[in-house]
PDB file of N, CA and C in Angstrom:
ATOM      1  N   ASP A   1      35.094 -11.714  47.561  1.00  0.00           N
ATOM      2  CA  ASP A   1      35.135 -11.556  48.812  1.00  0.00           C
ATOM      3  C   ASP A   1      36.688 -10.999  49.217  1.00  0.00           C
ATOM      4  N   GLN A   2      36.538 -10.060  49.810  1.00  0.00           N
ATOM      5  CA  GLN A   2      37.286  -9.220  50.285  1.00  0.00           C
ATOM      6  C   GLN A   2      38.061  -9.928  51.231  1.00  0.00           C
ATOM      7  N   ALA A   3      37.348 -10.847  52.294  1.00  0.00           N
ATOM      8  CA  ALA A   3      38.194 -11.636  53.358  1.00  0.00           C
ATOM      9  C   ALA A   3      39.044 -12.546  53.034  1.00  0.00           C
ATOM     10  N   ALA A   4      39.209 -13.074  51.634  1.00  0.00           N
ATOM     11  CA  ALA A   4      39.375 -14.696  51.591  1.00  0.00           C
ATOM     12  C   ALA A   4      40.934 -14.592  51.592  1.00  0.00           C
ATOM     13  N   TYR A   5      41.229 -13.805  51.423  1.00  0.00           N
ATOM     14  CA  TYR A   5      43.052 -13.743  51.444  1.00  0.00           C
ATOM     15  C   TYR A   5      43.784 -13.585  52.499  1.00  0.00           C
ATOM     16  N   THR A   6      42.662 -13.400  53.242  1.00  0.00           N
ATOM     17  CA  THR A   6      43.545 -13.637  54.675  1.00  0.00           C
ATOM     18  C   THR A   6      42.841 -14.538  55.829  1.00  0.00           C
ATOM     19  N   ARG A   7      42.309 -14.991  55.609  1.00  0.00           N
ATOM     20  CA  ARG A   7      41.136 -15.818  56.412  1.00  0.00           C
ATOM     21  C   ARG A   7      42.462 -17.579  55.914  1.00  0.00           C
ATOM     22  N   GLN A   8      42.077 -18.092  57.345  1.00  0.00           N
ATOM     23  CA  GLN A   8      42.591 -19.387  57.464  1.00  0.00           C
ATOM     24  C   GLN A   8      41.900 -20.409  58.504  1.00  0.00           C
ATOM     25  N   ALA A   9      42.048 -21.441  58.700  1.00  0.00           N
ATOM     26  CA  ALA A   9      41.317 -22.641  60.033  1.00  0.00           C
ATOM     27  C   ALA A   9      42.154 -22.235  60.997  1.00  0.00           C
ATOM     28  N   GLY A  10      41.477 -22.371  62.011  1.00  0.00           N
ATOM     29  CA  GLY A  10      42.037 -22.655  63.483  1.00  0.00           C
ATOM     30  C   GLY A  10      42.958 -21.114  63.834  1.00  0.00           C
ATOM     31  N   PHE A  11      42.165 -20.056  64.118  1.00  0.00           N
ATOM     32  CA  PHE A  11      42.614 -19.366  64.520  1.00  0.00           C
ATOM     33  C   PHE A  11      42.987 -18.651  66.007  1.00  0.00           C
ATOM     34  N   SER A  12      44.094 -18.134  66.391  1.00  0.00           N
ATOM     35  CA  SER A  12      44.481 -17.548  67.919  1.00  0.00           C
ATOM     36  C   SER A  12      43.459 -16.646  67.921  1.00  0.00           C
ATOM     37  N   PRO A  13      43.511 -16.319  69.412  1.00  0.00           N
ATOM     38  CA  PRO A  13      43.407 -14.630  69.674  1.00  0.00           C
ATOM     39  C   PRO A  13      44.197 -14.032  68.882  1.00  0.00           C
ATOM     40  N   LEU A  14      45.320 -13.809  69.077  1.00  0.00           N
ATOM     41  CA  LEU A  14      46.429 -12.598  68.444  1.00  0.00           C
ATOM     42  C   LEU A  14      46.207 -12.780  66.808  1.00  0.00           C
ATOM     43  N   GLN A  15      45.978 -14.064  66.344  1.00  0.00           N
ATOM     44  CA  GLN A  15      45.959 -13.853  64.717  1.00  0.00           C
ATOM     45  C   GLN A  15      44.601 -13.106  64.720  1.00  0.00           C
ATOM     46  N   HIS A  16      43.294 -13.605  65.305  1.00  0.00           N
ATOM     47  CA  HIS A  16      42.269 -12.485  65.278  1.00  0.00           C
ATOM     48  C   HIS A  16      42.556 -11.064  65.015  1.00  0.00           C
ATOM     49  N   GLU A  17      43.171 -10.614  66.073  1.00  0.00           N
ATOM     50  CA  GLU A  17      43.243  -9.127  66.275  1.00  0.00           C
ATOM     51  C   GLU A  17      44.362  -8.952  65.176  1.00  0.00           C
ATOM     52  N   GLN A  18      45.232  -9.372  64.544  1.00  0.00           N
ATOM     53  CA  GLN A  18      46.529  -9.422  63.835  1.00  0.00           C
ATOM     54  C   GLN A  18      45.629  -9.039  62.364  1.00  0.00           C
ATOM     55  N   MET A  19      44.597  -9.991  62.021  1.00  0.00           N
ATOM     56  CA  MET A  19      43.964 -10.245  61.210  1.00  0.00           C
ATOM     57  C   MET A  19      42.995  -8.627  60.829  1.00  0.00           C
ATOM     58  N   ILE A  20      42.277  -8.426  61.978  1.00  0.00           N
ATOM     59  CA  ILE A  20      41.208  -7.269  61.447  1.00  0.00           C
ATOM     60  C   ILE A  20      42.000  -6.286  61.592  1.00  0.00           C
ATOM     61  N   LEU A  21      43.293  -5.764  62.107  1.00  0.00           N
ATOM     62  CA  LEU A  21      43.987  -4.723  61.927  1.00  0.00           C
ATOM     63  C   LEU A  21      44.717  -4.497  60.696  1.00  0.00           C
ATOM     64  N   SER A  22      44.860  -5.794  60.209  1.00  0.00           N
ATOM     65  CA  SER A  22      45.503  -5.455  58.708  1.00  0.00           C
ATOM     66  C   SER A  22      44.294  -5.356  57.482  1.00  0.00           C
ATOM     67  N   TYR A  23      42.988  -6.061  58.120  1.00  0.00           N
ATOM     68  CA  TYR A  23      41.777  -5.630  57.085  1.00  0.00           C
ATOM     69  C   TYR A  23      41.916  -4.001  57.215  1.00  0.00           C
ATOM     70  N   ALA A  24      41.834  -3.819  58.228  1.00  0.00           N
ATOM     71  CA  ALA A  24      41.244  -2.092  58.772  1.00  0.00           C
ATOM     72  C   ALA A  24      42.320  -0.991  57.745  1.00  0.00           C
ATOM     73  N   GLN A  25      43.704  -1.598  58.109  1.00  0.00           N
ATOM     74  CA  GLN A  25      44.877  -1.017  57.170  1.00  0.00           C
ATOM     75  C   GLN A  25      44.735  -0.616  55.752  1.00  0.00           C
ATOM     76  N   GLN A  26      44.115  -2.271  55.373  1.00  0.00           N
ATOM     77  CA  GLN A  26      44.150  -2.323  53.606  1.00  0.00           C
ATOM     78  C   GLN A  26      42.820  -1.692  53.283  1.00  0.00           C
ATOM     79  N   HIS A  27      42.188  -1.857  53.969  1.00  0.00           N
ATOM     80  CA  HIS A  27      40.572  -1.593  53.270  1.00  0.00           C
ATOM     81  C   HIS A  27      39.967   0.066  54.092  1.00  0.00           C
ATOM     82  N   GLY A  28      41.058   0.199  54.684  1.00  0.00           N
ATOM     83  CA  GLY A  28      40.796   1.914  55.618  1.00  0.00           C
ATOM     84  C   GLY A  28      39.592   1.839  56.513  1.00  0.00           C
ATOM     85  N   ARG A  29      38.915   0.749  56.601  1.00  0.00           N
ATOM     86  CA  ARG A  29      37.413   0.443  57.830  1.00  0.00           C
ATOM     87  C   ARG A  29      37.725  -1.379  57.826  1.00  0.00           C
ATOM     88  N   ILE A  30      36.390  -2.004  59.162  1.00  0.00           N
ATOM     89  CA  ILE A  30      35.904  -2.493  58.638  1.00  0.00           C
ATOM     90  C   ILE A  30      34.697  -2.359  60.155  1.00  0.00           C
ATOM     91  N   ARG A  31      34.035  -3.366  59.505  1.00  0.00           N
ATOM     92  CA  ARG A  31      32.476  -3.583  60.016  1.00  0.00           C
ATOM     93  C   ARG A  31      32.767  -4.527  60.767  1.00  0.00           C
ATOM     94  N   ARG A  32      31.680  -4.802  61.503  1.00  0.00           N
ATOM     95  CA  ARG A  32      31.070  -6.090  62.414  1.00  0.00           C
ATOM     96  C   ARG A  32      31.239  -7.229  61.621  1.00  0.00           C
ATOM     97  N   SER A  33      30.355  -7.117  60.669  1.00  0.00           N
ATOM     98  CA  SER A  33      29.988  -8.611  59.974  1.00  0.00           C
ATOM     99  C   SER A  33      31.251  -8.963  59.047  1.00  0.00           C
ATOM    100  N   GLU A  34      32.504  -7.664  58.544  1.00  0.00           N
ATOM    101  CA  GLU A  34      33.375  -8.314  57.854  1.00  0.00           C
ATOM    102  C   GLU A  34      34.200  -9.166  59.093  1.00  0.00           C
ATOM    103  N   ALA A  35      34.333  -8.497  59.787  1.00  0.00           N
ATOM    104  CA  ALA A  35      35.265  -8.856  60.928  1.00  0.00           C
ATOM    105  C   ALA A  35      34.752 -10.700  61.422  1.00  0.00           C
ATOM    106  N   ALA A  36      33.750 -10.770  61.884  1.00  0.00           N
ATOM    107  CA  ALA A  36      32.655 -11.741  61.773  1.00  0.00           C
ATOM    108  C   ALA A  36      33.157 -13.047  60.920  1.00  0.00           C
ATOM    109  N   ASP A  37      33.035 -12.651  59.535  1.00  0.00           N
ATOM    110  CA  ASP A  37      33.345 -13.306  58.805  1.00  0.00           C
ATOM    111  C   ASP A  37      34.936 -13.417  58.395  1.00  0.00           C
ATOM    112  N   LEU A  38      35.820 -12.826  58.570  1.00  0.00           N
ATOM    113  CA  LEU A  38      37.240 -12.585  58.229  1.00  0.00           C
ATOM    114  C   LEU A  38      37.629 -13.723  59.119  1.00  0.00           C
ATOM    115  N   CYS A  39      37.412 -13.578  60.428  1.00  0.00           N
ATOM    116  CA  CYS A  39      37.788 -14.656  61.729  1.00  0.00           C
ATOM    117  C   CYS A  39      37.234 -15.807  61.941  1.00  0.00           C
ATOM    118  N   ARG A  40      35.564 -15.590  61.661  1.00  0.00           N
ATOM    119  CA  ARG A  40      34.603 -17.116  61.648  1.00  0.00           C
ATOM    120  C   ARG A  40      34.593 -17.182  62.996  1.00  0.00           C
ATOM    121  N   LEU A  41      33.867 -15.588  63.373  1.00  0.00           N
ATOM    122  CA  LEU A  41      33.204 -15.608  64.620  1.00  0.00           C
ATOM    123  C   LEU A  41      31.976 -15.445  64.441  1.00  0.00           C
ATOM    124  N   THR A  42      31.007 -15.663  65.434  1.00  0.00           N
ATOM    125  CA  THR A  42      29.920 -14.660  65.518  1.00  0.00           C
ATOM    126  C   THR A  42      29.442 -13.692  65.684  1.00  0.00           C
ATOM    127  N   VAL A  43      28.876 -12.818  65.317  1.00  0.00           N
ATOM    128  CA  VAL A  43      28.253 -11.335  64.989  1.00  0.00           C
ATOM    129  C   VAL A  43      28.852 -10.952  66.852  1.00  0.00           C
ATOM    130  N   THR A  44      28.662 -11.630  68.025  1.00  0.00           N
ATOM    131  CA  THR A  44      28.457 -11.177  68.633  1.00  0.00           C
ATOM    132  C   THR A  44      30.314 -11.229  69.227  1.00  0.00           C
ATOM    133  N   GLN A  45      30.904 -12.414  68.733  1.00  0.00           N
ATOM    134  CA  GLN A  45      31.995 -12.495  69.426  1.00  0.00           C
ATOM    135  C   GLN A  45      33.090 -11.402  68.538  1.00  0.00           C
ATOM    136  N   ALA A  46      32.499 -11.114  67.240  1.00  0.00           N
ATOM    137  CA  ALA A  46      33.011 -10.032  66.956  1.00  0.00           C
ATOM    138  C   ALA A  46      32.860  -8.726  67.249  1.00  0.00           C
ATOM    139  N   SER A  47      31.808  -8.270  67.661  1.00  0.00           N
ATOM    140  CA  SER A  47      31.410  -7.241  68.264  1.00  0.00           C
ATOM    141  C   SER A  47      32.357  -6.974  69.262  1.00  0.00           C
ATOM    142  N   LYS A  48      32.178  -7.967  70.606  1.00  0.00           N
ATOM    143  CA  LYS A  48      33.081  -8.022  71.793  1.00  0.00           C
ATOM    144  C   LYS A  48      34.281  -8.015  71.300  1.00  0.00           C
ATOM    145  N   LEU A  49      34.801  -8.424  70.061  1.00  0.00           N
ATOM    146  CA  LEU A  49      36.470  -8.230  69.782  1.00  0.00           C
ATOM    147  C   LEU A  49      37.025  -6.936  69.420  1.00  0.00           C
ATOM    148  N   LEU A  50      36.111  -6.148  68.360  1.00  0.00           N
ATOM    149  CA  LEU A  50      36.107  -4.929  67.909  1.00  0.00           C
ATOM    150  C   LEU A  50      36.198  -4.112  69.166  1.00  0.00           C
ATOM    151  N   ARG A  51      34.889  -4.223  70.082  1.00  0.00           N
ATOM    152  CA  ARG A  51      35.108  -2.650  71.473  1.00  0.00           C
ATOM    153  C   ARG A  51      36.429  -2.990  71.922  1.00  0.00           C
ATOM    154  N   ARG A  52      37.319  -4.433  72.272  1.00  0.00           N
ATOM    155  CA  ARG A  52      38.335  -4.408  73.358  1.00  0.00           C
ATOM    156  C   ARG A  52      39.472  -3.816  72.300  1.00  0.00           C
ATOM    157  N   LEU A  53      39.377  -3.835  71.167  1.00  0.00           N
ATOM    158  CA  LEU A  53      40.768  -3.669  70.236  1.00  0.00           C
ATOM    159  C   LEU A  53      40.482  -1.829  70.709  1.00  0.00           C
ATOM    160  N   ALA A  54      39.044  -1.280  70.363  1.00  0.00           N
ATOM    161  CA  ALA A  54      38.523   0.131  70.198  1.00  0.00           C
ATOM    162  C   ALA A  54      39.208   0.497  71.612  1.00  0.00           C
ATOM    163  N   ASN A  55      39.224   0.182  72.811  1.00  0.00           N
ATOM    164  CA  ASN A  55      39.086   0.316  74.150  1.00  0.00           C
ATOM    165  C   ASN A  55      40.910   0.245  74.672  1.00  0.00           C
ATOM    166  N   GLU A  56      41.513  -0.107  73.789  1.00  0.00           N
ATOM    167  CA  GLU A  56      43.124  -0.691  73.501  1.00  0.00           C
ATOM    168  C   GLU A  56      43.434   0.753  72.735  1.00  0.00           C
ATOM    169  N   GLY A  57      42.803   1.339  72.311  1.00  0.00           N
ATOM    170  CA  GLY A  57      43.159   2.326  71.092  1.00  0.00           C
ATOM    171  C   GLY A  57      43.922   1.877  70.230  1.00  0.00           C
ATOM    172  N   LYS A  58      43.537   0.813  69.579  1.00  0.00           N
ATOM    173  CA  LYS A  58      44.330   0.054  68.160  1.00  0.00           C
ATOM    174  C   LYS A  58      43.144   0.118  66.912  1.00  0.00           C
ATOM    175  N   LEU A  59      41.435   0.469  67.577  1.00  0.00           N
ATOM    176  CA  LEU A  59      41.013   0.961  66.419  1.00  0.00           C
ATOM    177  C   LEU A  59      40.340   1.887  67.077  1.00  0.00           C
ATOM    178  N   ALA A  60      39.394   2.777  65.949  1.00  0.00           N
ATOM    179  CA  ALA A  60      38.713   3.708  66.485  1.00  0.00           C
ATOM    180  C   ALA A  60      37.209   3.705  65.828  1.00  0.00           C
ATOM    181  N   MET A  61      36.265   3.882  66.635  1.00  0.00           N
ATOM    182  CA  MET A  61      34.628   3.756  66.107  1.00  0.00           C
ATOM    183  C   MET A  61      34.292   4.712  65.650  1.00  0.00           C
ATOM    184  N   VAL A  62      33.755   4.670  64.052  1.00  0.00           N
ATOM    185  CA  VAL A  62      33.013   5.579  63.657  1.00  0.00           C
ATOM    186  C   VAL A  62      31.643   5.395  63.439  1.00  0.00           C
ATOM    187  N   GLY A  63      30.803   6.201  63.573  1.00  0.00           N
ATOM    188  CA  GLY A  63      29.017   6.140  63.623  1.00  0.00           C
ATOM    189  C   GLY A  63      28.459   5.654  64.675  1.00  0.00           C
ATOM    190  N   GLU A  64      27.228   4.976  64.520  1.00  0.00           N
ATOM    191  CA  GLU A  64      26.808   4.788  65.938  1.00  0.00           C
ATOM    192  C   GLU A  64      26.068   3.750  64.966  1.00  0.00           C
ATOM    193  N   ARG A  65      25.378   2.194  65.691  1.00  0.00           N
ATOM    194  CA  ARG A  65      24.458   1.280  65.378  1.00  0.00           C
ATOM    195  C   ARG A  65      24.965   0.446  64.637  1.00  0.00           C
ATOM    196  N   ARG A  66      23.915   0.430  63.356  1.00  0.00           N
ATOM    197  CA  ARG A  66      24.222  -0.076  62.036  1.00  0.00           C
ATOM    198  C   ARG A  66      25.240   0.388  61.247  1.00  0.00           C
ATOM    199  N   GLY A  67      25.501   1.559  61.262  1.00  0.00           N
ATOM    200  CA  GLY A  67      25.831   2.594  60.649  1.00  0.00           C
ATOM    201  C   GLY A  67      27.571   2.749  60.937  1.00  0.00           C
ATOM    202  N   ALA A  68      27.843   1.428  62.164  1.00  0.00           N
ATOM    203  CA  ALA A  68      29.320   1.846  62.331  1.00  0.00           C
ATOM    204  C   ALA A  68      30.045   1.079  61.895  1.00  0.00           C
ATOM    205  N   HIS A  69      31.643   1.599  61.903  1.00  0.00           N
ATOM    206  CA  HIS A  69      32.601   0.844  61.155  1.00  0.00           C
ATOM    207  C   HIS A  69      33.951   0.936  61.971  1.00  0.00           C
ATOM    208  N   TYR A  70      35.268   0.512  61.679  1.00  0.00           N
ATOM    209  CA  TYR A  70      36.540   0.911  62.778  1.00  0.00           C
ATOM    210  C   TYR A  70      37.212   1.307  61.776  1.00  0.00           C
ATOM    211  N   THR A  71      37.598   2.108  62.358  1.00  0.00           N
ATOM    212  CA  THR A  71      39.516   2.578  61.649  1.00  0.00           C
ATOM    213  C   THR A  71      40.511   2.009  62.532  1.00  0.00           C
ATOM    214  N   LEU A  72      41.607   2.334  61.992  1.00  0.00           N
ATOM    215  CA  LEU A  72      42.668   1.857  63.175  1.00  0.00           C
ATOM    216  C   LEU A  72      42.659   3.364  63.823  1.00  0.00           C
ATOM    217  N   GLY A  73      42.904   2.780  64.999  1.00  0.00           N
ATOM    218  CA  GLY A  73      43.442   4.002  66.159  1.00  0.00           C
ATOM    219  C   GLY A  73      44.855   4.465  66.390  1.00  0.00           C
ATOM    220  N   SER A  74      44.893   5.084  67.273  1.00  0.00           N
ATOM    221  CA  SER A  74      46.514   5.414  67.162  1.00  0.00           C
ATOM    222  C   SER A  74      47.201   4.891  67.833  1.00  0.00           C
ATOM    223  N   GLU A  75      46.865   3.730  68.622  1.00  0.00           N
ATOM    224  CA  GLU A  75      48.124   2.612  69.497  1.00  0.00           C
ATOM    225  C   GLU A  75      48.244   1.403  68.646  1.00  0.00           C
ATOM    226  N   ALA A  76      47.490   1.348  67.050  1.00  0.00           N
ATOM    227  CA  ALA A  76      47.798   0.410  65.989  1.00  0.00           C
ATOM    228  C   ALA A  76      49.019  -0.100  65.829  1.00  0.00           C
ATOM    229  N   GLN A  77      49.357  -1.056  66.023  1.00  0.00           N
ATOM    230  CA  GLN A  77      50.829  -1.526  65.611  1.00  0.00           C
ATOM    231  C   GLN A  77      50.669  -2.937  64.532  1.00  0.00           C
ATOM    232  N   ILE A  78      50.842  -3.091  63.527  1.00  0.00           N
ATOM    233  CA  ILE A  78      50.427  -4.139  62.360  1.00  0.00           C
ATOM    234  C   ILE A  78      52.062  -4.284  62.043  1.00  0.00           C
TER     235      ILE A  78
END
């Protein structure tokens, strides 16, 4: 389980963001399902969080639909 090293119980929204950015830095990318598992969110919540981070320039979406994943964007600060 690649997410086990970062996972904890009771995360704040800022912790979600930092865990996702850290995961993307260490693994080169993050998928929606990985973000949901890492942060213990629903897939819908993970999608909204990833979209927000992409809109802020912290992540960049690569691909479309089921094949989509996110890489670090130009505004990412970890």
